[in-house]
Amino acid sequence: MYYLELIQRFWDFNKTAKISPTEISLYFYLLKIGYENVRYDFKISDIELGKELGLTRKTIKSTKEKLKSLGLIQFQSKNGLPCHYRLLLNPNSTKKKKEYFS
């Protein structure tokens, strides 16, 4: 697993990207889930994320969109089902769709 490497890359990336506290909280919670599951792709619902982080579903939705636009995560949503997340290795990389942990 590349847990520490992802943390270091995140903080290096944050020097220029200036990620909000809410985005940092969601990213690190997703990273924690990945680490606990020994893989960086997993499923979790917005409702569960909201309960764990004390955020509304609306905030979760906008925050994960921001993390996606920054190239930190990929996700796929289906109505009524938990969201499938994938943590990416290189933020805003041109190869970001190919470089991920599974």
N, C-alpha and C. Protein backbone atom coordinates (compact mmCIF):
# COMPACT_ATOMS: atom_id res chain seq x y z
N MET A 1 0.83 -1.19 0.00
CA MET A 1 0.00 0.00 0.00
C MET A 1 0.88 1.25 0.00
N TYR A 2 0.34 2.31 -0.52
CA TYR A 2 1.07 3.56 -0.68
C TYR A 2 0.47 4.68 0.15
N TYR A 3 0.05 4.35 1.33
CA TYR A 3 -0.63 5.28 2.23
C TYR A 3 0.21 6.53 2.50
N LEU A 4 1.44 6.33 2.96
CA LEU A 4 2.30 7.47 3.29
C LEU A 4 2.67 8.27 2.04
N GLU A 5 2.85 7.59 0.94
CA GLU A 5 3.16 8.29 -0.31
C GLU A 5 1.99 9.18 -0.74
N LEU A 6 0.77 8.69 -0.62
CA LEU A 6 -0.40 9.50 -0.96
C LEU A 6 -0.52 10.71 -0.03
N ILE A 7 -0.23 10.53 1.23
CA ILE A 7 -0.28 11.66 2.17
C ILE A 7 0.75 12.71 1.77
N GLN A 8 1.98 12.29 1.49
CA GLN A 8 3.02 13.23 1.11
C GLN A 8 2.67 13.95 -0.19
N ARG A 9 2.18 13.21 -1.17
CA ARG A 9 1.80 13.83 -2.45
C ARG A 9 0.66 14.82 -2.26
N PHE A 10 -0.26 14.49 -1.38
CA PHE A 10 -1.37 15.40 -1.11
C PHE A 10 -0.84 16.73 -0.58
N TRP A 11 0.04 16.68 0.42
CA TRP A 11 0.53 17.93 1.02
C TRP A 11 1.40 18.70 0.04
N ASP A 12 2.15 18.01 -0.80
CA ASP A 12 2.92 18.69 -1.85
C ASP A 12 1.97 19.39 -2.82
N PHE A 13 0.92 18.70 -3.21
CA PHE A 13 -0.07 19.25 -4.13
C PHE A 13 -0.80 20.43 -3.49
N ASN A 14 -1.08 20.35 -2.22
CA ASN A 14 -1.81 21.39 -1.51
C ASN A 14 -1.04 22.71 -1.45
N LYS A 15 0.27 22.67 -1.59
CA LYS A 15 1.07 23.89 -1.58
C LYS A 15 0.66 24.83 -2.71
N THR A 16 0.21 24.27 -3.82
CA THR A 16 -0.20 25.11 -4.95
C THR A 16 -1.71 25.13 -5.14
N ALA A 17 -2.38 24.05 -4.78
CA ALA A 17 -3.82 23.95 -5.03
C ALA A 17 -4.67 24.64 -3.97
N LYS A 18 -4.18 24.75 -2.76
CA LYS A 18 -4.91 25.37 -1.65
C LYS A 18 -6.30 24.76 -1.47
N ILE A 19 -6.31 23.55 -1.03
CA ILE A 19 -7.54 22.78 -0.86
C ILE A 19 -8.23 23.20 0.44
N SER A 20 -9.56 23.28 0.41
CA SER A 20 -10.33 23.74 1.57
C SER A 20 -10.30 22.70 2.69
N PRO A 21 -10.58 23.13 3.92
CA PRO A 21 -10.63 22.19 5.04
C PRO A 21 -11.65 21.06 4.84
N THR A 22 -12.78 21.37 4.24
CA THR A 22 -13.80 20.33 3.99
C THR A 22 -13.27 19.31 2.99
N GLU A 23 -12.60 19.78 1.96
CA GLU A 23 -12.03 18.87 0.96
C GLU A 23 -10.92 18.02 1.58
N ILE A 24 -10.12 18.63 2.43
CA ILE A 24 -9.06 17.89 3.12
C ILE A 24 -9.68 16.80 4.01
N SER A 25 -10.71 17.15 4.73
CA SER A 25 -11.38 16.20 5.62
C SER A 25 -11.94 15.01 4.83
N LEU A 26 -12.63 15.29 3.74
CA LEU A 26 -13.20 14.20 2.94
C LEU A 26 -12.10 13.35 2.33
N TYR A 27 -11.07 13.98 1.77
CA TYR A 27 -9.99 13.21 1.15
C TYR A 27 -9.32 12.28 2.16
N PHE A 28 -9.00 12.81 3.33
CA PHE A 28 -8.32 11.98 4.32
C PHE A 28 -9.23 10.91 4.90
N TYR A 29 -10.52 11.17 4.96
CA TYR A 29 -11.43 10.12 5.39
C TYR A 29 -11.48 9.00 4.35
N LEU A 30 -11.53 9.39 3.07
CA LEU A 30 -11.50 8.38 2.00
C LEU A 30 -10.18 7.61 2.01
N LEU A 31 -9.09 8.31 2.26
CA LEU A 31 -7.79 7.65 2.35
C LEU A 31 -7.77 6.66 3.51
N LYS A 32 -8.36 7.03 4.63
CA LYS A 32 -8.45 6.14 5.79
C LYS A 32 -9.24 4.88 5.46
N ILE A 33 -10.34 5.05 4.76
CA ILE A 33 -11.15 3.89 4.36
C ILE A 33 -10.34 2.97 3.46
N GLY A 34 -9.66 3.57 2.49
CA GLY A 34 -8.83 2.77 1.59
C GLY A 34 -7.75 2.00 2.33
N TYR A 35 -7.10 2.67 3.25
CA TYR A 35 -6.04 2.04 4.04
C TYR A 35 -6.60 0.88 4.87
N GLU A 36 -7.74 1.11 5.51
CA GLU A 36 -8.35 0.06 6.34
C GLU A 36 -8.81 -1.14 5.51
N ASN A 37 -9.19 -0.90 4.26
CA ASN A 37 -9.65 -1.98 3.39
C ASN A 37 -8.54 -2.58 2.54
N VAL A 38 -7.31 -2.07 2.71
CA VAL A 38 -6.13 -2.53 1.99
C VAL A 38 -6.32 -2.42 0.47
N ARG A 39 -7.00 -1.37 0.04
CA ARG A 39 -7.18 -1.08 -1.38
C ARG A 39 -7.69 0.34 -1.54
N TYR A 40 -7.40 0.93 -2.66
CA TYR A 40 -7.75 2.32 -2.87
C TYR A 40 -8.91 2.51 -3.84
N ASP A 41 -9.69 1.48 -4.01
CA ASP A 41 -10.99 1.62 -4.65
C ASP A 41 -11.99 0.89 -3.77
N PHE A 42 -13.12 1.53 -3.53
CA PHE A 42 -14.10 1.01 -2.58
C PHE A 42 -15.42 1.73 -2.78
N LYS A 43 -16.44 1.25 -2.08
CA LYS A 43 -17.76 1.87 -2.14
C LYS A 43 -18.17 2.36 -0.76
N ILE A 44 -18.79 3.55 -0.75
CA ILE A 44 -19.35 4.11 0.48
C ILE A 44 -20.42 5.12 0.07
N SER A 45 -21.48 5.19 0.85
CA SER A 45 -22.57 6.10 0.52
C SER A 45 -22.29 7.52 1.01
N ASP A 46 -22.90 8.49 0.33
CA ASP A 46 -22.80 9.89 0.75
C ASP A 46 -23.40 10.08 2.14
N ILE A 47 -24.44 9.33 2.44
CA ILE A 47 -25.09 9.44 3.75
C ILE A 47 -24.11 9.01 4.86
N GLU A 48 -23.43 7.90 4.64
CA GLU A 48 -22.46 7.43 5.63
C GLU A 48 -21.31 8.43 5.78
N LEU A 49 -20.82 8.96 4.66
CA LEU A 49 -19.76 9.97 4.73
C LEU A 49 -20.23 11.18 5.51
N GLY A 50 -21.44 11.63 5.23
CA GLY A 50 -21.99 12.78 5.93
C GLY A 50 -22.09 12.57 7.42
N LYS A 51 -22.54 11.38 7.83
CA LYS A 51 -22.64 11.07 9.26
C LYS A 51 -21.27 11.06 9.92
N GLU A 52 -20.30 10.46 9.27
CA GLU A 52 -18.96 10.36 9.84
C GLU A 52 -18.26 11.71 9.94
N LEU A 53 -18.49 12.57 8.95
CA LEU A 53 -17.78 13.85 8.89
C LEU A 53 -18.61 15.04 9.37
N GLY A 54 -19.89 14.80 9.68
CA GLY A 54 -20.75 15.89 10.13
C GLY A 54 -21.07 16.88 9.02
N LEU A 55 -21.24 16.36 7.80
CA LEU A 55 -21.52 17.19 6.63
C LEU A 55 -22.84 16.78 5.99
N THR A 56 -23.47 17.70 5.28
CA THR A 56 -24.71 17.38 4.58
C THR A 56 -24.39 16.63 3.28
N ARG A 57 -25.39 15.97 2.73
CA ARG A 57 -25.20 15.27 1.44
C ARG A 57 -24.83 16.25 0.35
N LYS A 58 -25.43 17.44 0.40
CA LYS A 58 -25.13 18.48 -0.59
C LYS A 58 -23.65 18.87 -0.52
N THR A 59 -23.13 19.02 0.68
CA THR A 59 -21.72 19.36 0.86
C THR A 59 -20.82 18.22 0.40
N ILE A 60 -21.19 17.00 0.73
CA ILE A 60 -20.42 15.83 0.28
C ILE A 60 -20.36 15.82 -1.24
N LYS A 61 -21.51 16.03 -1.88
CA LYS A 61 -21.57 15.99 -3.34
C LYS A 61 -20.66 17.05 -3.97
N SER A 62 -20.75 18.28 -3.49
CA SER A 62 -19.93 19.35 -4.08
C SER A 62 -18.45 19.15 -3.77
N THR A 63 -18.15 18.62 -2.60
CA THR A 63 -16.76 18.40 -2.21
C THR A 63 -16.13 17.29 -3.02
N LYS A 64 -16.85 16.20 -3.23
CA LYS A 64 -16.26 15.12 -4.02
C LYS A 64 -16.10 15.55 -5.49
N GLU A 65 -16.97 16.42 -5.98
CA GLU A 65 -16.81 16.96 -7.33
C GLU A 65 -15.53 17.79 -7.42
N LYS A 66 -15.26 18.58 -6.39
CA LYS A 66 -14.05 19.39 -6.35
C LYS A 66 -12.81 18.51 -6.31
N LEU A 67 -12.83 17.47 -5.46
CA LEU A 67 -11.69 16.55 -5.40
C LEU A 67 -11.47 15.84 -6.73
N LYS A 68 -12.56 15.54 -7.41
CA LYS A 68 -12.45 14.92 -8.73
C LYS A 68 -11.83 15.90 -9.73
N SER A 69 -12.27 17.16 -9.70
CA SER A 69 -11.73 18.15 -10.63
C SER A 69 -10.25 18.43 -10.37
N LEU A 70 -9.81 18.24 -9.13
CA LEU A 70 -8.40 18.41 -8.79
C LEU A 70 -7.57 17.18 -9.16
N GLY A 71 -8.24 16.10 -9.54
CA GLY A 71 -7.53 14.88 -9.92
C GLY A 71 -7.10 14.02 -8.76
N LEU A 72 -7.71 14.23 -7.59
CA LEU A 72 -7.36 13.43 -6.42
C LEU A 72 -8.15 12.13 -6.33
N ILE A 73 -9.37 12.15 -6.83
CA ILE A 73 -10.21 10.95 -6.78
C ILE A 73 -10.98 10.79 -8.09
N GLN A 74 -11.48 9.61 -8.30
CA GLN A 74 -12.49 9.34 -9.31
C GLN A 74 -13.64 8.71 -8.55
N PHE A 75 -14.84 8.94 -9.04
CA PHE A 75 -15.98 8.27 -8.42
C PHE A 75 -17.06 8.05 -9.46
N GLN A 76 -17.90 7.10 -9.14
CA GLN A 76 -19.03 6.77 -10.01
C GLN A 76 -20.25 6.59 -9.12
N SER A 77 -21.29 7.35 -9.40
CA SER A 77 -22.51 7.30 -8.59
C SER A 77 -23.64 6.64 -9.37
N LYS A 78 -24.46 5.90 -8.65
CA LYS A 78 -25.69 5.34 -9.19
C LYS A 78 -26.77 5.61 -8.16
N ASN A 79 -27.90 6.09 -8.60
CA ASN A 79 -29.00 6.41 -7.67
C ASN A 79 -29.33 5.24 -6.77
N GLY A 80 -29.35 5.52 -5.47
CA GLY A 80 -29.74 4.52 -4.49
C GLY A 80 -28.64 3.55 -4.08
N LEU A 81 -27.47 3.65 -4.69
CA LEU A 81 -26.37 2.75 -4.36
C LEU A 81 -25.18 3.53 -3.83
N PRO A 82 -24.34 2.90 -3.00
CA PRO A 82 -23.14 3.59 -2.54
C PRO A 82 -22.26 4.00 -3.72
N CYS A 83 -21.55 5.08 -3.55
CA CYS A 83 -20.67 5.61 -4.58
C CYS A 83 -19.38 4.77 -4.63
N HIS A 84 -18.90 4.51 -5.83
CA HIS A 84 -17.64 3.79 -6.00
C HIS A 84 -16.52 4.81 -6.16
N TYR A 85 -15.55 4.79 -5.26
CA TYR A 85 -14.44 5.73 -5.25
C TYR A 85 -13.14 5.05 -5.64
N ARG A 86 -12.24 5.84 -6.21
CA ARG A 86 -10.89 5.39 -6.52
C ARG A 86 -9.96 6.58 -6.20
N LEU A 87 -8.99 6.36 -5.32
CA LEU A 87 -8.01 7.39 -4.99
C LEU A 87 -6.90 7.36 -6.02
N LEU A 88 -6.53 8.51 -6.54
CA LEU A 88 -5.55 8.60 -7.60
C LEU A 88 -4.18 8.97 -7.07
N LEU A 89 -3.15 8.51 -7.77
CA LEU A 89 -1.77 8.74 -7.35
C LEU A 89 -1.28 10.14 -7.67
N ASN A 90 -1.56 10.63 -8.86
CA ASN A 90 -1.01 11.91 -9.30
C ASN A 90 -2.11 12.93 -9.55
N PRO A 91 -2.29 13.89 -8.66
CA PRO A 91 -3.31 14.93 -8.88
C PRO A 91 -3.06 15.70 -10.17
N ASN A 92 -4.13 15.94 -10.91
CA ASN A 92 -4.09 16.71 -12.15
C ASN A 92 -3.07 16.21 -13.16
N SER A 93 -2.75 14.94 -13.11
CA SER A 93 -1.85 14.34 -14.09
C SER A 93 -2.61 14.09 -15.38
N THR A 94 -1.93 14.19 -16.51
CA THR A 94 -2.58 13.88 -17.78
C THR A 94 -2.91 12.40 -17.87
N LYS A 95 -2.21 11.60 -17.08
CA LYS A 95 -2.47 10.16 -17.06
C LYS A 95 -3.35 9.76 -15.90
N LYS A 96 -4.00 10.72 -15.25
CA LYS A 96 -4.69 10.43 -13.99
C LYS A 96 -5.72 9.33 -14.09
N LYS A 97 -6.32 9.12 -15.23
CA LYS A 97 -7.34 8.09 -15.34
C LYS A 97 -6.73 6.70 -15.36
N LYS A 98 -5.43 6.61 -15.65
CA LYS A 98 -4.77 5.31 -15.71
C LYS A 98 -3.96 5.00 -14.45
N GLU A 99 -3.60 6.02 -13.69
CA GLU A 99 -2.75 5.83 -12.54
C GLU A 99 -3.57 5.81 -11.26
N TYR A 100 -3.87 4.63 -10.79
CA TYR A 100 -4.62 4.48 -9.55
C TYR A 100 -4.24 3.19 -8.89
N PHE A 101 -4.62 3.07 -7.66
CA PHE A 101 -4.35 1.85 -6.91
C PHE A 101 -5.62 1.00 -6.87
N SER A 102 -5.45 -0.27 -7.05
CA SER A 102 -6.60 -1.17 -6.91
C SER A 102 -6.19 -2.43 -6.20
